[in-house]
C-alpha atoms as a PDB file:
ATOM      1  CA  MET A   1     -23.550  15.899  -4.120  1.00  0.00           C
ATOM      2  CA  GLY A   2     -24.270  16.071  -7.834  1.00  0.00           C
ATOM      3  CA  ILE A   3     -23.491  12.782  -9.529  1.00  0.00           C
ATOM      4  CA  PRO A   4     -23.636  12.632 -13.344  1.00  0.00           C
ATOM      5  CA  SER A   5     -26.891  11.081 -14.525  1.00  0.00           C
ATOM      6  CA  ASN A   6     -25.296   9.661 -17.686  1.00  0.00           C
ATOM      7  CA  ALA A   7     -22.421   7.259 -18.058  1.00  0.00           C
ATOM      8  CA  VAL A   8     -19.010   8.898 -17.879  1.00  0.00           C
ATOM      9  CA  THR A   9     -16.452   7.893 -20.472  1.00  0.00           C
ATOM     10  CA  LEU A  10     -12.800   8.611 -19.838  1.00  0.00           C
ATOM     11  CA  THR A  11     -10.058   8.759 -22.393  1.00  0.00           C
ATOM     12  CA  PRO A  12      -6.962   6.631 -21.849  1.00  0.00           C
ATOM     13  CA  GLU A  13      -5.125   9.876 -21.093  1.00  0.00           C
ATOM     14  CA  GLN A  14      -7.613  10.783 -18.355  1.00  0.00           C
ATOM     15  CA  VAL A  15      -7.301   7.339 -16.802  1.00  0.00           C
ATOM     16  CA  ALA A  16      -3.515   7.625 -16.939  1.00  0.00           C
ATOM     17  CA  GLU A  17      -3.659  11.075 -15.307  1.00  0.00           C
ATOM     18  CA  LEU A  18      -5.919   9.805 -12.522  1.00  0.00           C
ATOM     19  CA  ASN A  19      -3.557   6.896 -12.003  1.00  0.00           C
ATOM     20  CA  ARG A  20      -0.573   9.262 -11.779  1.00  0.00           C
ATOM     21  CA  ASN A  21      -2.437  11.453  -9.292  1.00  0.00           C
ATOM     22  CA  LEU A  22      -3.427   8.426  -7.215  1.00  0.00           C
ATOM     23  CA  SER A  23       0.145   7.165  -7.251  1.00  0.00           C
ATOM     24  CA  ARG A  24       1.434  10.592  -6.204  1.00  0.00           C
ATOM     25  CA  MET A  25      -1.114  10.752  -3.393  1.00  0.00           C
ATOM     26  CA  ARG A  26      -0.152   7.283  -2.119  1.00  0.00           C
ATOM     27  CA  HIS A  27       3.527   8.240  -2.218  1.00  0.00           C
ATOM     28  CA  ASP A  28       2.981  11.538  -0.393  1.00  0.00           C
ATOM     29  CA  ILE A  29       0.780   9.948   2.284  1.00  0.00           C
ATOM     30  CA  ASN A  30       3.349   7.198   2.768  1.00  0.00           C
ATOM     31  CA  ASN A  31       6.009   9.887   3.291  1.00  0.00           C
ATOM     32  CA  HIS A  32       3.876  11.607   5.930  1.00  0.00           C
ATOM     33  CA  LEU A  33       3.204   8.297   7.693  1.00  0.00           C
ATOM     34  CA  SER A  34       6.932   7.518   7.591  1.00  0.00           C
ATOM     35  CA  LEU A  35       7.620  10.820   9.345  1.00  0.00           C
ATOM     36  CA  ILE A  36       5.125   9.870  12.051  1.00  0.00           C
ATOM     37  CA  ILE A  37       6.825   6.507  12.570  1.00  0.00           C
ATOM     38  CA  ALA A  38      10.296   8.085  12.564  1.00  0.00           C
ATOM     39  CA  ALA A  39       9.246  10.741  15.082  1.00  0.00           C
ATOM     40  CA  ALA A  40       7.709   8.124  17.369  1.00  0.00           C
ATOM     41  CA  GLU A  41      10.848   5.981  17.180  1.00  0.00           C
ATOM     42  CA  LEU A  42      13.060   8.975  17.837  1.00  0.00           C
ATOM     43  CA  LEU A  43      10.997   9.838  20.896  1.00  0.00           C
ATOM     44  CA  ARG A  44      11.618   6.366  22.268  1.00  0.00           C
ATOM     45  CA  PHE A  45      15.371   6.862  22.154  1.00  0.00           C
ATOM     46  CA  LYS A  46      15.653  10.642  22.617  1.00  0.00           C
ATOM     47  CA  PRO A  47      12.822  11.858  24.836  1.00  0.00           C
ATOM     48  CA  GLU A  48      14.495  15.277  25.027  1.00  0.00           C
ATOM     49  CA  MET A  49      13.324  15.860  21.440  1.00  0.00           C
ATOM     50  CA  ARG A  50       9.697  15.731  22.594  1.00  0.00           C
ATOM     51  CA  GLU A  51       8.831  19.325  21.671  1.00  0.00           C
ATOM     52  CA  LYS A  52      10.391  19.205  18.197  1.00  0.00           C
ATOM     53  CA  MET A  53       8.818  15.838  17.413  1.00  0.00           C
ATOM     54  CA  ALA A  54       5.438  17.034  18.721  1.00  0.00           C
ATOM     55  CA  VAL A  55       5.502  19.735  16.040  1.00  0.00           C
ATOM     56  CA  THR A  56       6.455  17.211  13.361  1.00  0.00           C
ATOM     57  CA  LEU A  57       3.720  14.845  14.480  1.00  0.00           C
ATOM     58  CA  SER A  58       1.054  17.556  14.626  1.00  0.00           C
ATOM     59  CA  GLU A  59       1.850  18.694  11.068  1.00  0.00           C
ATOM     60  CA  GLN A  60       1.315  15.315   9.438  1.00  0.00           C
ATOM     61  CA  ALA A  61      -2.465  14.840   9.742  1.00  0.00           C
ATOM     62  CA  PRO A  62      -3.289  18.143   7.971  1.00  0.00           C
ATOM     63  CA  ARG A  63      -0.796  17.283   5.238  1.00  0.00           C
ATOM     64  CA  ILE A  64      -2.388  13.870   4.719  1.00  0.00           C
ATOM     65  CA  THR A  65      -5.832  15.484   4.618  1.00  0.00           C
ATOM     66  CA  SER A  66      -4.556  17.984   2.058  1.00  0.00           C
ATOM     67  CA  GLU A  67      -3.248  15.201  -0.193  1.00  0.00           C
ATOM     68  CA  ILE A  68      -6.586  13.385  -0.073  1.00  0.00           C
ATOM     69  CA  THR A  69      -8.492  16.630  -0.713  1.00  0.00           C
ATOM     70  CA  LYS A  70      -6.341  17.444  -3.767  1.00  0.00           C
ATOM     71  CA  PHE A  71      -6.896  13.980  -5.245  1.00  0.00           C
ATOM     72  CA  SER A  72     -10.621  14.064  -4.466  1.00  0.00           C
ATOM     73  CA  ALA A  73     -10.998  17.415  -6.234  1.00  0.00           C
ATOM     74  CA  GLU A  74      -9.272  16.087  -9.349  1.00  0.00           C
ATOM     75  CA  PHE A  75     -11.331  12.884  -9.221  1.00  0.00           C
ATOM     76  CA  GLU A  76     -14.586  14.839  -8.904  1.00  0.00           C
ATOM     77  CA  LYS A  77     -13.583  17.182 -11.725  1.00  0.00           C
ATOM     78  CA  THR A  78     -12.728  14.270 -14.031  1.00  0.00           C
ATOM     79  CA  PHE A  79     -16.018  12.506 -13.364  1.00  0.00           C
ATOM     80  CA  GLY A  80     -18.168  15.644 -13.325  1.00  0.00           C
ATOM     81  CA  ILE A  81     -19.140  15.272  -9.692  1.00  0.00           C
ATOM     82  CA  THR A  82     -20.238  18.502  -8.042  1.00  0.00           C
ATOM     83  CA  ARG A  83     -20.653  19.428  -4.397  1.00  0.00           C
ATOM     84  CA  GLU A  84     -24.009  21.042  -3.804  1.00  0.00           C
END
């Protein structure tokens, strides 16, 4: 991984943008985790929904990974970090 060799200075706008992206990521991940909890609770009371909830549950981990990947890419771009 290529880390900048010099200090990186961010503008207030860049810091604000990173903060917005981080906030969005936290919100989106929280939504995905809420779906997992809701599906698990629903399964407790309606086991006949097992197949539908299994699909919902299996979709959440890739969505969480995607949110983290998007934020990481923006973070790396802002700080000039490259993947080598």
